[in-house]
Amino acid sequence: MKLKNLNALITGGSQGLGKTIAEYFLREGANVVLCARSEKDLSATCAELAKKFPAQKVSAKTCDVANEAQVNELVAFALKELGSLQALVLNAGIYGPMGPTESVPLDEWRRAININLFGVLLPSRAVIPHFKNSSSSRGKEVQINNQSEPPHGGYKKIIILSGGGATNPLPNISSYAASKAAVVRLGETLAEELKPFHVDVNMIAPGALATRLVDEVLAAGPEKVGAAFFEKNKGWKEKGAVPLELGASLAVYLASAASDGITGKLISAQWDPWNDLQKHRDELAKSDIYCLRRIVPEDRGQKWI
């Protein structure tokens, strides 16, 4: 089992990719605390997973990840339930308002930034002190369910779901695009800050997923999101999109000991050879591969000066 005795907090864990990640973590031996805003969905998911994986600890607490007080309560709850944390998976997010940037409601635009960006910042801030304090205490954390083996690995993990908005413009969904690009740069920055404490911070681009976000685009219609983007989402809904299992498998890899020392990277679940990325650990550490960077003329074989 790749995640035996690992304790993880997963935001946005009641449905879609977050729920699938939780299931994959449990299958690999982890214990999890889930959060979401909907108490009904969260309770149903928690009960379903607890029944399916009786040997593992599954707990849940409602939380608005944009609310600092609620986030602090969530992290305190997770630490009480699990005794320690080795992984934080930040999956909660929304598309936000759809339509031309100058005409969408500004309060909805701000709300998307709060959920998508502060929903990464606030849980990270709450968990990082615990990660730092336990970075040199491998094997000393509280055990769950009478497990005799020490907690998984020596590294702590922060895994951020970035979404496609991080790497490409998304006309008519500007709050999502702006917040997701900001999330990647925040993750890169945290990765540098936390290297001395053996905390890996990585971002996942899971690919086009047929989740509630696709339904929201289809409900908005081509007038708001643009004909091209609408047709893409319609195709994903009707013909299938990237399987949720692909992003969940990458999350397992990034939470596992196999990825120790790989940090500050934005990795595509669909296109990158992440299954054995540890073979390139040294090259990744010395380069800006899988990072968001400015492109200059020389990068494209041109010289303008």
C-alpha atoms as a PDB file:
ATOM      1  CA  MET A   1       0.000   0.000   0.000  1.00  0.00           C
ATOM      2  CA  LYS A   2       1.516   3.268  -1.152  1.00  0.00           C
ATOM      3  CA  LEU A   3      -0.002   5.502   1.562  1.00  0.00           C
ATOM      4  CA  LYS A   4      -0.139   3.194   4.567  1.00  0.00           C
ATOM      5  CA  ASN A   5      -0.592   5.205   7.788  1.00  0.00           C
ATOM      6  CA  LEU A   6      -0.631   8.530   5.954  1.00  0.00           C
ATOM      7  CA  ASN A   7      -3.180  10.985   7.358  1.00  0.00           C
ATOM      8  CA  ALA A   8      -4.680  13.435   4.870  1.00  0.00           C
ATOM      9  CA  LEU A   9      -7.015  16.413   4.892  1.00  0.00           C
ATOM     10  CA  ILE A  10      -8.887  16.796   1.588  1.00  0.00           C
ATOM     11  CA  THR A  11     -10.911  19.909   0.788  1.00  0.00           C
ATOM     12  CA  GLY A  12     -13.798  19.750  -1.661  1.00  0.00           C
ATOM     13  CA  GLY A  13     -14.011  16.053  -0.861  1.00  0.00           C
ATOM     14  CA  SER A  14     -17.746  15.383  -1.096  1.00  0.00           C
ATOM     15  CA  GLN A  15     -18.031  14.845  -4.852  1.00  0.00           C
ATOM     16  CA  GLY A  16     -16.214  14.715  -8.172  1.00  0.00           C
ATOM     17  CA  LEU A  17     -12.441  14.589  -8.170  1.00  0.00           C
ATOM     18  CA  GLY A  18     -12.125  15.248  -4.432  1.00  0.00           C
ATOM     19  CA  LYS A  19     -14.261  12.228  -3.606  1.00  0.00           C
ATOM     20  CA  THR A  20     -12.289  10.074  -6.039  1.00  0.00           C
ATOM     21  CA  ILE A  21      -8.991  11.214  -4.518  1.00  0.00           C
ATOM     22  CA  ALA A  22     -10.306  10.322  -1.058  1.00  0.00           C
ATOM     23  CA  GLU A  23     -11.303   6.860  -2.269  1.00  0.00           C
ATOM     24  CA  TYR A  24      -7.885   6.288  -3.862  1.00  0.00           C
ATOM     25  CA  PHE A  25      -6.095   7.464  -0.712  1.00  0.00           C
ATOM     26  CA  LEU A  26      -8.150   5.091   1.438  1.00  0.00           C
ATOM     27  CA  ARG A  27      -7.527   2.229  -0.959  1.00  0.00           C
ATOM     28  CA  GLU A  28      -3.791   2.816  -0.519  1.00  0.00           C
ATOM     29  CA  GLY A  29      -4.021   2.727   3.274  1.00  0.00           C
ATOM     30  CA  ALA A  30      -4.473   6.379   4.208  1.00  0.00           C
ATOM     31  CA  ASN A  31      -6.822   7.890   6.783  1.00  0.00           C
ATOM     32  CA  VAL A  32      -8.745  10.970   5.665  1.00  0.00           C
ATOM     33  CA  VAL A  33     -10.694  13.966   6.874  1.00  0.00           C
ATOM     34  CA  LEU A  34     -12.939  15.488   4.215  1.00  0.00           C
ATOM     35  CA  CYS A  35     -14.484  18.917   4.037  1.00  0.00           C
ATOM     36  CA  ALA A  36     -17.058  20.617   1.829  1.00  0.00           C
ATOM     37  CA  ARG A  37     -19.752  23.247   2.231  1.00  0.00           C
ATOM     38  CA  SER A  38     -22.731  20.919   1.747  1.00  0.00           C
ATOM     39  CA  GLU A  39     -23.401  18.965   4.927  1.00  0.00           C
ATOM     40  CA  LYS A  40     -25.783  16.604   3.121  1.00  0.00           C
ATOM     41  CA  ASP A  41     -23.318  15.634   0.380  1.00  0.00           C
ATOM     42  CA  LEU A  42     -20.434  15.451   2.848  1.00  0.00           C
ATOM     43  CA  SER A  43     -22.289  13.153   5.264  1.00  0.00           C
ATOM     44  CA  ALA A  44     -23.344  10.841   2.444  1.00  0.00           C
ATOM     45  CA  THR A  45     -19.803  10.610   1.064  1.00  0.00           C
ATOM     46  CA  CYS A  46     -18.274  10.060   4.487  1.00  0.00           C
ATOM     47  CA  ALA A  47     -20.739   7.265   5.285  1.00  0.00           C
ATOM     48  CA  GLU A  48     -20.178   5.635   1.898  1.00  0.00           C
ATOM     49  CA  LEU A  49     -16.388   5.664   2.193  1.00  0.00           C
ATOM     50  CA  ALA A  50     -16.373   4.571   5.840  1.00  0.00           C
ATOM     51  CA  LYS A  51     -18.489   1.545   4.914  1.00  0.00           C
ATOM     52  CA  LYS A  52     -16.278   0.729   1.947  1.00  0.00           C
ATOM     53  CA  PHE A  53     -12.996   1.066   3.899  1.00  0.00           C
ATOM     54  CA  PRO A  54     -13.741  -0.050   7.481  1.00  0.00           C
ATOM     55  CA  ALA A  55     -10.055  -0.486   8.349  1.00  0.00           C
ATOM     56  CA  GLN A  56      -9.325   3.209   7.788  1.00  0.00           C
ATOM     57  CA  LYS A  57     -10.418   6.338   9.591  1.00  0.00           C
ATOM     58  CA  VAL A  58     -12.848   8.523   7.611  1.00  0.00           C
ATOM     59  CA  SER A  59     -14.134  11.748   9.136  1.00  0.00           C
ATOM     60  CA  ALA A  60     -15.719  14.894   7.764  1.00  0.00           C
ATOM     61  CA  LYS A  61     -16.525  18.465   8.724  1.00  0.00           C
ATOM     62  CA  THR A  62     -18.342  21.191   6.829  1.00  0.00           C
ATOM     63  CA  CYS A  63     -16.163  24.172   6.023  1.00  0.00           C
ATOM     64  CA  ASP A  64     -16.062  27.242   3.824  1.00  0.00           C
ATOM     65  CA  VAL A  65     -12.402  27.257   2.765  1.00  0.00           C
ATOM     66  CA  ALA A  66     -12.540  31.020   2.235  1.00  0.00           C
ATOM     67  CA  ASN A  67     -13.407  31.572   5.913  1.00  0.00           C
ATOM     68  CA  GLU A  68     -10.306  31.730   8.110  1.00  0.00           C
ATOM     69  CA  ALA A  69     -12.086  30.838  11.357  1.00  0.00           C
ATOM     70  CA  GLN A  70     -13.788  27.822   9.789  1.00  0.00           C
ATOM     71  CA  VAL A  71     -10.531  26.661   8.216  1.00  0.00           C
ATOM     72  CA  ASN A  72      -8.711  26.877  11.546  1.00  0.00           C
ATOM     73  CA  GLU A  73     -11.497  24.874  13.170  1.00  0.00           C
ATOM     74  CA  LEU A  74     -11.267  22.309  10.364  1.00  0.00           C
ATOM     75  CA  VAL A  75      -7.529  21.795  10.806  1.00  0.00           C
ATOM     76  CA  ALA A  76      -7.915  21.512  14.583  1.00  0.00           C
ATOM     77  CA  PHE A  77     -10.665  18.921  13.990  1.00  0.00           C
ATOM     78  CA  ALA A  78      -8.466  16.954  11.573  1.00  0.00           C
ATOM     79  CA  LEU A  79      -5.568  16.879  14.001  1.00  0.00           C
ATOM     80  CA  LYS A  80      -7.867  15.752  16.800  1.00  0.00           C
ATOM     81  CA  GLU A  81      -9.416  13.023  14.653  1.00  0.00           C
ATOM     82  CA  LEU A  82      -6.200  11.707  13.103  1.00  0.00           C
ATOM     83  CA  GLY A  83      -3.565  12.748  15.625  1.00  0.00           C
ATOM     84  CA  SER A  84      -1.326  14.139  12.893  1.00  0.00           C
ATOM     85  CA  LEU A  85      -1.315  15.130   9.233  1.00  0.00           C
ATOM     86  CA  GLN A  86       1.147  14.192   6.512  1.00  0.00           C
ATOM     87  CA  ALA A  87      -0.803  15.429   3.476  1.00  0.00           C
ATOM     88  CA  LEU A  88      -3.053  18.353   2.575  1.00  0.00           C
ATOM     89  CA  VAL A  89      -5.017  18.056  -0.688  1.00  0.00           C
ATOM     90  CA  LEU A  90      -6.570  21.341  -1.832  1.00  0.00           C
ATOM     91  CA  ASN A  91      -9.331  20.501  -4.272  1.00  0.00           C
ATOM     92  CA  ALA A  92     -12.136  22.935  -3.374  1.00  0.00           C
ATOM     93  CA  GLY A  93     -12.920  25.401  -6.149  1.00  0.00           C
ATOM     94  CA  ILE A  94     -15.562  27.001  -8.355  1.00  0.00           C
ATOM     95  CA  TYR A  95     -15.731  28.453 -11.854  1.00  0.00           C
ATOM     96  CA  GLY A  96     -17.204  31.729 -10.694  1.00  0.00           C
ATOM     97  CA  PRO A  97     -19.242  34.100 -12.875  1.00  0.00           C
ATOM     98  CA  MET A  98     -19.360  33.475 -16.613  1.00  0.00           C
ATOM     99  CA  GLY A  99     -19.492  36.198 -19.210  1.00  0.00           C
ATOM    100  CA  PRO A 100     -17.471  39.208 -20.411  1.00  0.00           C
ATOM    101  CA  THR A 101     -15.229  40.405 -17.593  1.00  0.00           C
ATOM    102  CA  GLU A 102     -16.568  43.954 -17.658  1.00  0.00           C
ATOM    103  CA  SER A 103     -20.159  42.830 -17.158  1.00  0.00           C
ATOM    104  CA  VAL A 104     -20.079  39.948 -14.642  1.00  0.00           C
ATOM    105  CA  PRO A 105     -21.086  40.784 -11.051  1.00  0.00           C
ATOM    106  CA  LEU A 106     -18.006  41.968  -9.194  1.00  0.00           C
ATOM    107  CA  ASP A 107     -19.035  40.368  -5.920  1.00  0.00           C
ATOM    108  CA  GLU A 108     -19.231  36.972  -7.645  1.00  0.00           C
ATOM    109  CA  TRP A 109     -15.814  37.585  -9.220  1.00  0.00           C
ATOM    110  CA  ARG A 110     -14.354  38.311  -5.769  1.00  0.00           C
ATOM    111  CA  ARG A 111     -16.078  35.242  -4.322  1.00  0.00           C
ATOM    112  CA  ALA A 112     -14.368  33.002  -6.878  1.00  0.00           C
ATOM    113  CA  ILE A 113     -11.000  34.504  -5.959  1.00  0.00           C
ATOM    114  CA  ASN A 114     -11.738  33.946  -2.272  1.00  0.00           C
ATOM    115  CA  ILE A 115     -12.681  30.301  -2.737  1.00  0.00           C
ATOM    116  CA  ASN A 116     -10.052  29.350  -5.319  1.00  0.00           C
ATOM    117  CA  LEU A 117      -7.073  31.334  -4.027  1.00  0.00           C
ATOM    118  CA  PHE A 118      -7.748  31.907  -0.333  1.00  0.00           C
ATOM    119  CA  GLY A 119      -9.121  28.369  -0.247  1.00  0.00           C
ATOM    120  CA  VAL A 120      -5.546  27.278  -0.889  1.00  0.00           C
ATOM    121  CA  LEU A 121      -3.812  29.921   1.211  1.00  0.00           C
ATOM    122  CA  LEU A 122      -5.845  29.559   4.411  1.00  0.00           C
ATOM    123  CA  PRO A 123      -5.632  25.751   4.817  1.00  0.00           C
ATOM    124  CA  SER A 124      -1.931  25.892   3.932  1.00  0.00           C
ATOM    125  CA  ARG A 125      -1.286  28.555   6.566  1.00  0.00           C
ATOM    126  CA  ALA A 126      -3.177  26.512   9.143  1.00  0.00           C
ATOM    127  CA  VAL A 127      -1.369  23.228   8.403  1.00  0.00           C
ATOM    128  CA  ILE A 128       2.180  24.476   7.729  1.00  0.00           C
ATOM    129  CA  PRO A 129       3.088  25.060  11.418  1.00  0.00           C
ATOM    130  CA  HIS A 130       2.159  21.442  12.149  1.00  0.00           C
ATOM    131  CA  PHE A 131       4.176  20.252   9.158  1.00  0.00           C
ATOM    132  CA  LYS A 132       7.193  22.265  10.294  1.00  0.00           C
ATOM    133  CA  ASN A 133       6.958  21.005  13.867  1.00  0.00           C
ATOM    134  CA  SER A 134       6.694  17.389  12.777  1.00  0.00           C
ATOM    135  CA  SER A 135       9.250  17.519   9.953  1.00  0.00           C
ATOM    136  CA  SER A 136      11.917  15.953  12.148  1.00  0.00           C
ATOM    137  CA  SER A 137       9.650  13.625  14.140  1.00  0.00           C
ATOM    138  CA  ARG A 138       9.199  10.775  11.689  1.00  0.00           C
ATOM    139  CA  GLY A 139       7.531   7.848  13.353  1.00  0.00           C
ATOM    140  CA  LYS A 140       6.455   9.779  16.447  1.00  0.00           C
ATOM    141  CA  GLU A 141       2.966  10.897  15.433  1.00  0.00           C
ATOM    142  CA  VAL A 142      -0.116   9.452  17.111  1.00  0.00           C
ATOM    143  CA  GLN A 143      -1.229   6.151  15.613  1.00  0.00           C
ATOM    144  CA  ILE A 144      -4.736   5.485  14.303  1.00  0.00           C
ATOM    145  CA  ASN A 145      -6.756   2.279  14.697  1.00  0.00           C
ATOM    146  CA  ASN A 146      -3.944   0.603  16.674  1.00  0.00           C
ATOM    147  CA  GLN A 147      -1.588   0.640  13.703  1.00  0.00           C
ATOM    148  CA  SER A 148       1.877  -0.405  14.820  1.00  0.00           C
ATOM    149  CA  GLU A 149       3.887   0.895  11.885  1.00  0.00           C
ATOM    150  CA  PRO A 150       5.192   4.481  11.836  1.00  0.00           C
ATOM    151  CA  PRO A 151       3.434   7.085   9.679  1.00  0.00           C
ATOM    152  CA  HIS A 152       4.189   7.019   5.990  1.00  0.00           C
ATOM    153  CA  GLY A 153       7.369   8.606   4.693  1.00  0.00           C
ATOM    154  CA  GLY A 154       9.541  11.417   5.946  1.00  0.00           C
ATOM    155  CA  TYR A 155       8.164  14.229   3.786  1.00  0.00           C
ATOM    156  CA  LYS A 156       4.954  16.175   4.239  1.00  0.00           C
ATOM    157  CA  LYS A 157       2.852  16.925   1.154  1.00  0.00           C
ATOM    158  CA  ILE A 158       0.697  19.795  -0.070  1.00  0.00           C
ATOM    159  CA  ILE A 159      -1.150  18.940  -3.292  1.00  0.00           C
ATOM    160  CA  ILE A 160      -3.056  21.684  -5.102  1.00  0.00           C
ATOM    161  CA  LEU A 161      -5.580  21.173  -7.911  1.00  0.00           C
ATOM    162  CA  SER A 162      -4.817  23.981 -10.338  1.00  0.00           C
ATOM    163  CA  GLY A 163      -7.223  23.437 -13.219  1.00  0.00           C
ATOM    164  CA  GLY A 164      -6.711  24.355 -16.851  1.00  0.00           C
ATOM    165  CA  GLY A 165      -7.151  28.042 -16.142  1.00  0.00           C
ATOM    166  CA  ALA A 166      -3.611  28.171 -14.786  1.00  0.00           C
ATOM    167  CA  THR A 167      -1.887  27.692 -18.141  1.00  0.00           C
ATOM    168  CA  ASN A 168      -4.251  29.152 -20.730  1.00  0.00           C
ATOM    169  CA  PRO A 169      -6.494  32.210 -21.028  1.00  0.00           C
ATOM    170  CA  LEU A 170     -10.155  31.410 -20.439  1.00  0.00           C
ATOM    171  CA  PRO A 171     -12.250  34.127 -22.068  1.00  0.00           C
ATOM    172  CA  ASN A 172     -15.479  34.797 -20.186  1.00  0.00           C
ATOM    173  CA  ILE A 173     -14.343  32.882 -17.081  1.00  0.00           C
ATOM    174  CA  SER A 174     -11.698  35.367 -15.988  1.00  0.00           C
ATOM    175  CA  SER A 175     -11.994  34.969 -12.199  1.00  0.00           C
ATOM    176  CA  TYR A 176     -11.332  31.244 -12.494  1.00  0.00           C
ATOM    177  CA  ALA A 177      -8.375  31.738 -14.819  1.00  0.00           C
ATOM    178  CA  ALA A 178      -6.840  34.498 -12.692  1.00  0.00           C
ATOM    179  CA  SER A 179      -7.262  32.623  -9.429  1.00  0.00           C
ATOM    180  CA  LYS A 180      -5.882  29.346 -10.760  1.00  0.00           C
ATOM    181  CA  ALA A 181      -2.784  31.017 -12.214  1.00  0.00           C
ATOM    182  CA  ALA A 182      -2.272  32.735  -8.853  1.00  0.00           C
ATOM    183  CA  VAL A 183      -2.639  29.389  -7.085  1.00  0.00           C
ATOM    184  CA  VAL A 184       0.232  27.898  -9.085  1.00  0.00           C
ATOM    185  CA  ARG A 185       2.573  30.774  -8.288  1.00  0.00           C
ATOM    186  CA  LEU A 186       1.537  30.550  -4.630  1.00  0.00           C
ATOM    187  CA  GLY A 187       2.342  26.838  -4.705  1.00  0.00           C
ATOM    188  CA  GLU A 188       5.745  27.453  -6.290  1.00  0.00           C
ATOM    189  CA  THR A 189       6.499  30.047  -3.628  1.00  0.00           C
ATOM    190  CA  LEU A 190       5.433  27.799  -0.767  1.00  0.00           C
ATOM    191  CA  ALA A 191       7.580  25.032  -2.234  1.00  0.00           C
ATOM    192  CA  GLU A 192      10.672  27.241  -1.935  1.00  0.00           C
ATOM    193  CA  GLU A 193       9.780  28.388   1.576  1.00  0.00           C
ATOM    194  CA  LEU A 194       9.190  24.848   2.808  1.00  0.00           C
ATOM    195  CA  LYS A 195      12.137  23.005   1.250  1.00  0.00           C
ATOM    196  CA  PRO A 196      14.187  23.188   4.475  1.00  0.00           C
ATOM    197  CA  PHE A 197      11.331  21.455   6.297  1.00  0.00           C
ATOM    198  CA  HIS A 198      10.950  18.589   3.799  1.00  0.00           C
ATOM    199  CA  VAL A 199       7.490  19.669   2.706  1.00  0.00           C
ATOM    200  CA  ASP A 200       6.752  19.048  -0.977  1.00  0.00           C
ATOM    201  CA  VAL A 201       4.242  21.354  -2.667  1.00  0.00           C
ATOM    202  CA  ASN A 202       2.960  20.412  -6.106  1.00  0.00           C
ATOM    203  CA  MET A 203       0.080  21.334  -8.379  1.00  0.00           C
ATOM    204  CA  ILE A 204      -2.054  18.999 -10.499  1.00  0.00           C
ATOM    205  CA  ALA A 205      -3.669  19.819 -13.823  1.00  0.00           C
ATOM    206  CA  PRO A 206      -6.224  16.983 -13.930  1.00  0.00           C
ATOM    207  CA  GLY A 207      -7.432  17.644 -17.466  1.00  0.00           C
ATOM    208  CA  ALA A 208     -10.976  18.241 -18.673  1.00  0.00           C
ATOM    209  CA  LEU A 209     -13.308  16.519 -16.217  1.00  0.00           C
ATOM    210  CA  ALA A 210     -16.993  15.781 -16.693  1.00  0.00           C
ATOM    211  CA  THR A 211     -17.952  17.179 -13.276  1.00  0.00           C
ATOM    212  CA  ARG A 212     -20.452  19.783 -12.090  1.00  0.00           C
ATOM    213  CA  LEU A 213     -18.242  22.493 -13.645  1.00  0.00           C
ATOM    214  CA  VAL A 214     -19.096  21.173 -17.104  1.00  0.00           C
ATOM    215  CA  ASP A 215     -22.783  21.259 -16.177  1.00  0.00           C
ATOM    216  CA  GLU A 216     -22.393  24.880 -15.088  1.00  0.00           C
ATOM    217  CA  VAL A 217     -20.865  25.823 -18.449  1.00  0.00           C
ATOM    218  CA  LEU A 218     -23.646  24.090 -20.348  1.00  0.00           C
ATOM    219  CA  ALA A 219     -26.254  25.789 -18.177  1.00  0.00           C
ATOM    220  CA  ALA A 220     -24.655  29.200 -18.803  1.00  0.00           C
ATOM    221  CA  GLY A 221     -24.869  28.710 -22.565  1.00  0.00           C
ATOM    222  CA  PRO A 222     -22.681  29.809 -25.491  1.00  0.00           C
ATOM    223  CA  GLU A 223     -23.753  33.441 -25.154  1.00  0.00           C
ATOM    224  CA  LYS A 224     -21.904  33.742 -21.833  1.00  0.00           C
ATOM    225  CA  VAL A 225     -18.960  31.358 -22.202  1.00  0.00           C
ATOM    226  CA  GLY A 226     -18.385  31.597 -25.956  1.00  0.00           C
ATOM    227  CA  ALA A 227     -19.360  29.123 -28.656  1.00  0.00           C
ATOM    228  CA  ALA A 228     -15.989  27.337 -28.803  1.00  0.00           C
ATOM    229  CA  PHE A 229     -15.734  26.695 -25.059  1.00  0.00           C
ATOM    230  CA  PHE A 230     -19.383  25.670 -24.910  1.00  0.00           C
ATOM    231  CA  GLU A 231     -18.868  23.095 -27.671  1.00  0.00           C
ATOM    232  CA  LYS A 232     -15.786  21.707 -25.905  1.00  0.00           C
ATOM    233  CA  ASN A 233     -17.772  21.176 -22.722  1.00  0.00           C
ATOM    234  CA  LYS A 234     -20.674  19.690 -24.637  1.00  0.00           C
ATOM    235  CA  GLY A 235     -18.261  17.195 -26.188  1.00  0.00           C
ATOM    236  CA  TRP A 236     -16.833  16.278 -22.790  1.00  0.00           C
ATOM    237  CA  LYS A 237     -20.323  15.731 -21.432  1.00  0.00           C
ATOM    238  CA  GLU A 238     -21.547  13.630 -24.354  1.00  0.00           C
ATOM    239  CA  LYS A 239     -18.424  11.740 -25.429  1.00  0.00           C
ATOM    240  CA  GLY A 240     -16.475  11.558 -22.206  1.00  0.00           C
ATOM    241  CA  ALA A 241     -13.676  13.554 -20.671  1.00  0.00           C
ATOM    242  CA  VAL A 242     -10.464  12.749 -18.803  1.00  0.00           C
ATOM    243  CA  PRO A 243     -11.233  10.048 -16.200  1.00  0.00           C
ATOM    244  CA  LEU A 244     -11.285  11.264 -12.592  1.00  0.00           C
ATOM    245  CA  GLU A 245      -9.138   8.265 -11.754  1.00  0.00           C
ATOM    246  CA  LEU A 246      -6.173   9.746 -13.613  1.00  0.00           C
ATOM    247  CA  GLY A 247      -5.965  12.848 -11.421  1.00  0.00           C
ATOM    248  CA  ALA A 248      -6.602  10.743  -8.321  1.00  0.00           C
ATOM    249  CA  SER A 249      -3.751   8.392  -9.232  1.00  0.00           C
ATOM    250  CA  LEU A 250      -1.404  11.353  -9.667  1.00  0.00           C
ATOM    251  CA  ALA A 251      -2.494  12.675  -6.267  1.00  0.00           C
ATOM    252  CA  VAL A 252      -1.598   9.296  -4.744  1.00  0.00           C
ATOM    253  CA  TYR A 253       1.819   9.450  -6.393  1.00  0.00           C
ATOM    254  CA  LEU A 254       2.474  12.989  -5.132  1.00  0.00           C
ATOM    255  CA  ALA A 255       1.421  11.976  -1.620  1.00  0.00           C
ATOM    256  CA  SER A 256       3.611   8.882  -1.645  1.00  0.00           C
ATOM    257  CA  ALA A 257       7.234   8.453  -0.642  1.00  0.00           C
ATOM    258  CA  ALA A 258       8.111   7.829  -4.304  1.00  0.00           C
ATOM    259  CA  SER A 259       7.784  11.552  -5.028  1.00  0.00           C
ATOM    260  CA  ASP A 260       9.797  12.776  -2.020  1.00  0.00           C
ATOM    261  CA  GLY A 261      11.901  15.774  -3.044  1.00  0.00           C
ATOM    262  CA  ILE A 262       9.850  16.626  -6.140  1.00  0.00           C
ATOM    263  CA  THR A 263       8.399  20.046  -5.363  1.00  0.00           C
ATOM    264  CA  GLY A 264       7.172  23.288  -6.912  1.00  0.00           C
ATOM    265  CA  LYS A 265       5.873  21.621 -10.077  1.00  0.00           C
ATOM    266  CA  LEU A 266       2.643  21.835 -12.073  1.00  0.00           C
ATOM    267  CA  ILE A 267       2.070  18.329 -13.412  1.00  0.00           C
ATOM    268  CA  SER A 268      -0.480  17.254 -15.996  1.00  0.00           C
ATOM    269  CA  ALA A 269      -2.289  14.064 -15.076  1.00  0.00           C
ATOM    270  CA  GLN A 270      -3.120  13.499 -18.724  1.00  0.00           C
ATOM    271  CA  TRP A 271       0.078  14.393 -20.573  1.00  0.00           C
ATOM    272  CA  ASP A 272       3.126  14.137 -18.296  1.00  0.00           C
ATOM    273  CA  PRO A 273       5.068  10.893 -17.549  1.00  0.00           C
ATOM    274  CA  TRP A 274       4.497  11.173 -13.824  1.00  0.00           C
ATOM    275  CA  ASN A 275       4.392   7.457 -12.991  1.00  0.00           C
ATOM    276  CA  ASP A 276       8.172   7.342 -12.644  1.00  0.00           C
ATOM    277  CA  LEU A 277       8.967  11.031 -12.301  1.00  0.00           C
ATOM    278  CA  GLN A 278      11.367  10.223  -9.468  1.00  0.00           C
ATOM    279  CA  LYS A 279      13.853   9.116 -12.141  1.00  0.00           C
ATOM    280  CA  HIS A 280      14.174  12.786 -13.085  1.00  0.00           C
ATOM    281  CA  ARG A 281      14.267  14.153  -9.518  1.00  0.00           C
ATOM    282  CA  ASP A 282      17.666  15.822  -9.942  1.00  0.00           C
ATOM    283  CA  GLU A 283      16.845  17.382 -13.322  1.00  0.00           C
ATOM    284  CA  LEU A 284      13.550  18.716 -11.949  1.00  0.00           C
ATOM    285  CA  ALA A 285      15.244  20.243  -8.924  1.00  0.00           C
ATOM    286  CA  LYS A 286      17.728  22.146 -11.108  1.00  0.00           C
ATOM    287  CA  SER A 287      15.326  23.392 -13.780  1.00  0.00           C
ATOM    288  CA  ASP A 288      12.061  25.199 -14.417  1.00  0.00           C
ATOM    289  CA  ILE A 289      10.509  22.164 -16.113  1.00  0.00           C
ATOM    290  CA  TYR A 290       6.796  21.929 -15.205  1.00  0.00           C
ATOM    291  CA  CYS A 291       6.767  25.530 -13.951  1.00  0.00           C
ATOM    292  CA  LEU A 292       4.952  28.666 -15.123  1.00  0.00           C
ATOM    293  CA  ARG A 293       7.555  30.939 -16.686  1.00  0.00           C
ATOM    294  CA  ARG A 294       7.856  33.916 -19.050  1.00  0.00           C
ATOM    295  CA  ILE A 295       8.712  33.027 -22.666  1.00  0.00           C
ATOM    296  CA  VAL A 296      11.364  35.190 -24.361  1.00  0.00           C
ATOM    297  CA  PRO A 297      12.194  35.310 -28.117  1.00  0.00           C
ATOM    298  CA  GLU A 298      15.251  33.084 -27.673  1.00  0.00           C
ATOM    299  CA  ASP A 299      13.007  30.308 -26.303  1.00  0.00           C
ATOM    300  CA  ARG A 300      11.338  30.219 -29.707  1.00  0.00           C
ATOM    301  CA  GLY A 301      14.496  30.400 -31.794  1.00  0.00           C
ATOM    302  CA  GLN A 302      14.319  34.159 -32.377  1.00  0.00           C
ATOM    303  CA  LYS A 303      16.653  36.983 -31.442  1.00  0.00           C
ATOM    304  CA  TRP A 304      15.173  40.478 -31.365  1.00  0.00           C
ATOM    305  CA  ILE A 305      18.173  42.417 -30.056  1.00  0.00           C
END
